[in-house]
N, C-alpha and C. Protein backbone atom coordinates (compact mmCIF):
# COMPACT_ATOMS: atom_id res chain seq x y z
N UNK A 1 -9.71 23.06 3.32
CA UNK A 1 -9.68 22.84 1.89
C UNK A 1 -8.44 22.01 1.55
N UNK A 2 -8.63 21.03 0.72
CA UNK A 2 -7.53 20.15 0.33
C UNK A 2 -6.59 20.87 -0.64
N UNK A 3 -5.35 20.42 -0.69
CA UNK A 3 -4.33 21.04 -1.54
C UNK A 3 -4.75 21.06 -3.00
N UNK A 4 -5.27 19.96 -3.50
CA UNK A 4 -5.67 19.90 -4.90
C UNK A 4 -6.77 20.92 -5.20
N UNK A 5 -7.69 21.08 -4.28
CA UNK A 5 -8.76 22.08 -4.46
C UNK A 5 -8.17 23.49 -4.51
N UNK A 6 -7.20 23.74 -3.66
CA UNK A 6 -6.54 25.05 -3.66
C UNK A 6 -5.84 25.30 -4.99
N UNK A 7 -5.17 24.28 -5.49
CA UNK A 7 -4.48 24.43 -6.77
C UNK A 7 -5.46 24.67 -7.92
N UNK A 8 -6.59 24.02 -7.88
CA UNK A 8 -7.61 24.23 -8.91
C UNK A 8 -8.15 25.65 -8.84
N UNK A 9 -8.37 26.15 -7.64
CA UNK A 9 -8.82 27.54 -7.49
C UNK A 9 -7.78 28.50 -8.02
N UNK A 10 -6.53 28.21 -7.71
CA UNK A 10 -5.44 29.05 -8.20
C UNK A 10 -5.38 29.03 -9.73
N UNK A 11 -5.57 27.87 -10.30
CA UNK A 11 -5.57 27.75 -11.76
C UNK A 11 -6.71 28.59 -12.35
N UNK A 12 -7.88 28.49 -11.76
CA UNK A 12 -9.02 29.27 -12.25
C UNK A 12 -8.74 30.77 -12.15
N UNK A 13 -8.14 31.16 -11.05
CA UNK A 13 -7.79 32.57 -10.85
C UNK A 13 -6.84 33.06 -11.93
N UNK A 14 -5.82 32.27 -12.21
CA UNK A 14 -4.83 32.66 -13.21
C UNK A 14 -5.45 32.70 -14.60
N UNK A 15 -6.31 31.73 -14.89
CA UNK A 15 -6.97 31.71 -16.19
C UNK A 15 -7.86 32.93 -16.42
N UNK A 16 -8.45 33.46 -15.35
CA UNK A 16 -9.30 34.64 -15.47
C UNK A 16 -8.52 35.89 -15.87
N UNK A 17 -7.34 36.02 -15.29
CA UNK A 17 -6.54 37.23 -15.58
C UNK A 17 -5.07 36.94 -15.30
N UNK A 18 -4.35 36.59 -16.34
CA UNK A 18 -2.94 36.25 -16.16
C UNK A 18 -2.10 37.46 -15.77
N UNK A 19 -2.59 38.65 -16.00
CA UNK A 19 -1.84 39.84 -15.61
C UNK A 19 -1.91 40.07 -14.10
N UNK A 20 -2.78 39.35 -13.41
CA UNK A 20 -2.90 39.50 -11.96
C UNK A 20 -1.74 38.85 -11.21
N UNK A 21 -0.96 38.06 -11.90
CA UNK A 21 0.15 37.36 -11.26
C UNK A 21 1.39 38.25 -11.26
N UNK A 22 1.88 38.54 -10.07
CA UNK A 22 3.08 39.37 -9.98
C UNK A 22 4.32 38.50 -9.81
N UNK A 23 5.51 39.09 -9.95
CA UNK A 23 6.76 38.31 -9.85
C UNK A 23 6.93 37.59 -8.52
N UNK A 24 6.46 38.17 -7.43
CA UNK A 24 6.60 37.53 -6.11
C UNK A 24 5.77 36.25 -6.07
N UNK A 25 4.59 36.31 -6.62
CA UNK A 25 3.72 35.13 -6.69
C UNK A 25 4.41 34.02 -7.49
N UNK A 26 4.92 34.37 -8.64
CA UNK A 26 5.60 33.38 -9.49
C UNK A 26 6.84 32.81 -8.80
N UNK A 27 7.61 33.67 -8.14
CA UNK A 27 8.80 33.23 -7.44
C UNK A 27 8.43 32.29 -6.28
N UNK A 28 7.33 32.58 -5.61
CA UNK A 28 6.87 31.73 -4.51
C UNK A 28 6.51 30.33 -5.02
N UNK A 29 5.80 30.28 -6.13
CA UNK A 29 5.46 28.98 -6.72
C UNK A 29 6.72 28.21 -7.11
N UNK A 30 7.66 28.90 -7.69
CA UNK A 30 8.92 28.25 -8.10
C UNK A 30 9.65 27.68 -6.87
N UNK A 31 9.68 28.44 -5.80
CA UNK A 31 10.33 27.96 -4.58
C UNK A 31 9.62 26.75 -4.00
N UNK A 32 8.30 26.75 -4.06
CA UNK A 32 7.54 25.59 -3.59
C UNK A 32 7.86 24.34 -4.41
N UNK A 33 7.96 24.51 -5.71
CA UNK A 33 8.31 23.38 -6.57
C UNK A 33 9.70 22.85 -6.25
N UNK A 34 10.65 23.74 -6.08
CA UNK A 34 12.01 23.34 -5.74
C UNK A 34 12.05 22.66 -4.37
N UNK A 35 11.30 23.20 -3.43
CA UNK A 35 11.26 22.60 -2.08
C UNK A 35 10.73 21.18 -2.15
N UNK A 36 9.67 20.97 -2.90
CA UNK A 36 9.10 19.62 -3.03
C UNK A 36 10.07 18.69 -3.76
N UNK A 37 10.71 19.18 -4.79
CA UNK A 37 11.70 18.38 -5.51
C UNK A 37 12.81 17.93 -4.55
N UNK A 38 13.33 18.85 -3.78
CA UNK A 38 14.41 18.53 -2.84
C UNK A 38 13.95 17.55 -1.76
N UNK A 39 12.74 17.73 -1.27
CA UNK A 39 12.20 16.83 -0.25
C UNK A 39 12.09 15.40 -0.80
N UNK A 40 11.57 15.28 -1.99
CA UNK A 40 11.40 13.96 -2.60
C UNK A 40 12.75 13.36 -2.99
N UNK A 41 13.67 14.18 -3.47
CA UNK A 41 15.00 13.69 -3.82
C UNK A 41 15.74 13.18 -2.58
N UNK A 42 15.54 13.82 -1.45
CA UNK A 42 16.15 13.37 -0.19
C UNK A 42 15.58 12.02 0.22
N UNK A 43 14.28 11.87 0.08
CA UNK A 43 13.65 10.58 0.38
C UNK A 43 14.19 9.50 -0.56
N UNK A 44 14.34 9.83 -1.82
CA UNK A 44 14.87 8.86 -2.78
C UNK A 44 16.29 8.42 -2.38
N UNK A 45 17.11 9.35 -1.98
CA UNK A 45 18.49 9.02 -1.58
C UNK A 45 18.49 8.04 -0.41
N UNK A 46 17.60 8.25 0.54
CA UNK A 46 17.51 7.35 1.69
C UNK A 46 17.06 5.96 1.25
N UNK A 47 16.11 5.89 0.34
CA UNK A 47 15.63 4.60 -0.15
C UNK A 47 16.68 3.89 -1.00
N UNK A 48 17.43 4.64 -1.78
CA UNK A 48 18.49 4.04 -2.60
C UNK A 48 19.55 3.41 -1.69
N UNK A 49 19.87 4.06 -0.58
CA UNK A 49 20.81 3.47 0.38
C UNK A 49 20.27 2.16 0.92
N UNK A 50 18.97 2.13 1.18
CA UNK A 50 18.34 0.90 1.66
C UNK A 50 18.45 -0.20 0.59
N UNK A 51 18.25 0.16 -0.67
CA UNK A 51 18.39 -0.81 -1.76
C UNK A 51 19.82 -1.35 -1.81
N UNK A 52 20.78 -0.47 -1.64
CA UNK A 52 22.18 -0.88 -1.67
C UNK A 52 22.50 -1.86 -0.54
N UNK A 53 21.88 -1.65 0.61
CA UNK A 53 22.07 -2.57 1.74
C UNK A 53 21.54 -3.96 1.38
N UNK A 54 20.34 -4.02 0.79
CA UNK A 54 19.78 -5.31 0.36
C UNK A 54 20.69 -5.96 -0.69
N UNK A 55 21.14 -5.18 -1.65
CA UNK A 55 21.98 -5.72 -2.72
C UNK A 55 23.28 -6.31 -2.16
N UNK A 56 23.86 -5.61 -1.22
CA UNK A 56 25.09 -6.10 -0.61
C UNK A 56 24.83 -7.37 0.21
N UNK A 57 23.75 -7.36 0.98
CA UNK A 57 23.42 -8.49 1.83
C UNK A 57 23.15 -9.76 1.02
N UNK A 58 22.44 -9.61 -0.10
CA UNK A 58 22.03 -10.78 -0.89
C UNK A 58 22.85 -10.98 -2.17
N UNK A 59 23.86 -10.14 -2.36
CA UNK A 59 24.74 -10.26 -3.53
C UNK A 59 23.94 -10.32 -4.82
N UNK A 60 23.00 -9.38 -4.95
CA UNK A 60 22.09 -9.37 -6.10
C UNK A 60 21.65 -7.93 -6.34
N UNK A 61 21.75 -7.48 -7.58
CA UNK A 61 21.31 -6.13 -7.93
C UNK A 61 19.78 -6.08 -7.92
N UNK A 62 19.25 -4.92 -7.58
CA UNK A 62 17.80 -4.76 -7.52
C UNK A 62 17.15 -5.03 -8.87
N UNK A 63 17.83 -4.65 -9.96
CA UNK A 63 17.29 -4.88 -11.30
C UNK A 63 17.17 -6.37 -11.60
N UNK A 64 18.00 -7.18 -10.98
CA UNK A 64 17.93 -8.63 -11.15
C UNK A 64 16.94 -9.24 -10.16
N UNK A 65 16.93 -8.69 -8.96
CA UNK A 65 16.06 -9.22 -7.91
C UNK A 65 14.58 -9.06 -8.24
N UNK A 66 14.18 -7.86 -8.64
CA UNK A 66 12.76 -7.55 -8.74
C UNK A 66 12.00 -8.46 -9.71
N UNK A 67 12.48 -8.67 -10.93
CA UNK A 67 11.74 -9.58 -11.81
C UNK A 67 11.64 -11.00 -11.25
N UNK A 68 12.71 -11.45 -10.63
CA UNK A 68 12.69 -12.79 -10.05
C UNK A 68 11.70 -12.87 -8.90
N UNK A 69 11.66 -11.82 -8.09
CA UNK A 69 10.70 -11.78 -6.98
C UNK A 69 9.27 -11.76 -7.51
N UNK A 70 9.03 -10.93 -8.50
CA UNK A 70 7.69 -10.82 -9.09
C UNK A 70 7.24 -12.14 -9.73
N UNK A 71 8.17 -12.92 -10.24
CA UNK A 71 7.86 -14.22 -10.85
C UNK A 71 7.73 -15.34 -9.82
N UNK A 72 7.92 -15.01 -8.54
CA UNK A 72 7.78 -16.00 -7.49
C UNK A 72 8.97 -16.92 -7.32
N UNK A 73 10.10 -16.53 -7.86
CA UNK A 73 11.29 -17.39 -7.81
C UNK A 73 12.04 -17.31 -6.48
N UNK A 74 11.76 -16.28 -5.67
CA UNK A 74 12.57 -16.06 -4.47
C UNK A 74 11.83 -16.26 -3.16
N UNK A 75 10.57 -16.50 -3.19
CA UNK A 75 9.83 -16.69 -1.94
C UNK A 75 9.30 -15.40 -1.38
N UNK A 76 8.74 -15.50 -0.17
CA UNK A 76 8.07 -14.36 0.45
C UNK A 76 8.69 -13.97 1.79
N UNK A 77 10.01 -14.02 1.86
CA UNK A 77 10.68 -13.57 3.08
C UNK A 77 10.38 -12.10 3.32
N UNK A 78 10.35 -11.71 4.56
CA UNK A 78 10.07 -10.31 4.93
C UNK A 78 11.05 -9.37 4.23
N UNK A 79 12.34 -9.71 4.23
CA UNK A 79 13.34 -8.87 3.56
C UNK A 79 13.01 -8.69 2.09
N UNK A 80 12.57 -9.75 1.43
CA UNK A 80 12.26 -9.66 0.01
C UNK A 80 11.04 -8.78 -0.23
N UNK A 81 10.05 -8.88 0.64
CA UNK A 81 8.87 -8.03 0.49
C UNK A 81 9.24 -6.56 0.71
N UNK A 82 10.09 -6.31 1.69
CA UNK A 82 10.52 -4.94 1.96
C UNK A 82 11.38 -4.42 0.81
N UNK A 83 12.25 -5.27 0.28
CA UNK A 83 13.12 -4.90 -0.84
C UNK A 83 12.25 -4.53 -2.05
N UNK A 84 11.28 -5.36 -2.36
CA UNK A 84 10.40 -5.10 -3.51
C UNK A 84 9.60 -3.81 -3.29
N UNK A 85 9.13 -3.60 -2.08
CA UNK A 85 8.38 -2.38 -1.78
C UNK A 85 9.26 -1.15 -1.93
N UNK A 86 10.51 -1.26 -1.52
CA UNK A 86 11.44 -0.14 -1.65
C UNK A 86 11.70 0.18 -3.11
N UNK A 87 11.85 -0.85 -3.93
CA UNK A 87 12.03 -0.64 -5.37
C UNK A 87 10.82 0.09 -5.94
N UNK A 88 9.63 -0.33 -5.56
CA UNK A 88 8.41 0.30 -6.05
C UNK A 88 8.31 1.75 -5.59
N UNK A 89 8.73 2.02 -4.35
CA UNK A 89 8.72 3.40 -3.86
C UNK A 89 9.68 4.27 -4.66
N UNK A 90 10.87 3.75 -4.96
CA UNK A 90 11.85 4.51 -5.75
C UNK A 90 11.29 4.77 -7.14
N UNK A 91 10.65 3.78 -7.74
CA UNK A 91 10.05 3.98 -9.07
C UNK A 91 8.98 5.07 -9.02
N UNK A 92 8.17 5.05 -7.97
CA UNK A 92 7.14 6.07 -7.81
C UNK A 92 7.77 7.46 -7.65
N UNK A 93 8.81 7.52 -6.86
CA UNK A 93 9.50 8.80 -6.64
C UNK A 93 10.11 9.30 -7.94
N UNK A 94 10.68 8.41 -8.73
CA UNK A 94 11.24 8.81 -10.02
C UNK A 94 10.17 9.45 -10.91
N UNK A 95 8.98 8.90 -10.89
CA UNK A 95 7.87 9.48 -11.66
C UNK A 95 7.54 10.88 -11.15
N UNK A 96 7.51 11.02 -9.84
CA UNK A 96 7.20 12.32 -9.25
C UNK A 96 8.26 13.35 -9.59
N UNK A 97 9.53 12.94 -9.56
CA UNK A 97 10.62 13.86 -9.90
C UNK A 97 10.55 14.25 -11.37
N UNK A 98 10.16 13.31 -12.22
CA UNK A 98 10.02 13.60 -13.64
C UNK A 98 8.92 14.63 -13.87
N UNK A 99 7.82 14.50 -13.14
CA UNK A 99 6.72 15.45 -13.27
C UNK A 99 7.18 16.84 -12.82
N UNK A 100 7.93 16.92 -11.73
CA UNK A 100 8.42 18.21 -11.27
C UNK A 100 9.41 18.80 -12.27
N UNK A 101 10.25 17.95 -12.85
CA UNK A 101 11.13 18.33 -13.95
C UNK A 101 11.92 19.60 -13.70
N UNK A 102 12.53 19.70 -12.53
CA UNK A 102 13.37 20.84 -12.21
C UNK A 102 14.64 20.37 -11.55
N UNK A 103 15.62 21.24 -11.50
CA UNK A 103 16.87 20.92 -10.81
C UNK A 103 16.75 21.33 -9.36
N UNK A 104 17.35 20.54 -8.45
CA UNK A 104 17.27 20.91 -7.03
C UNK A 104 18.01 22.21 -6.74
N UNK A 105 17.51 22.96 -5.78
CA UNK A 105 18.16 24.18 -5.32
C UNK A 105 19.21 23.80 -4.32
N UNK A 106 20.40 24.37 -4.44
CA UNK A 106 21.49 24.05 -3.51
C UNK A 106 21.31 24.77 -2.20
């Protein structure tokens, strides 16, 4: 069974009887959310370091690079494609972290 299917079943279960949820169940869900937040935040940190390497190498901030790359002003060098992909991955991760909307557990 896929994860999304499991979550839908869990949602249906909770909707049937919210009193069936005990504190351990709730705490487990909270820990899972924190674990995922921390995992994604760690990935983001690694990608941000990669962005900083590109910025240092090309003396250009990612915020300046990306629009120029998208407009075709910089060409299609492998580094530029990887840099643009990394920016897109960080943007995607930021959306995921916003959805989780929790503080990382230390």
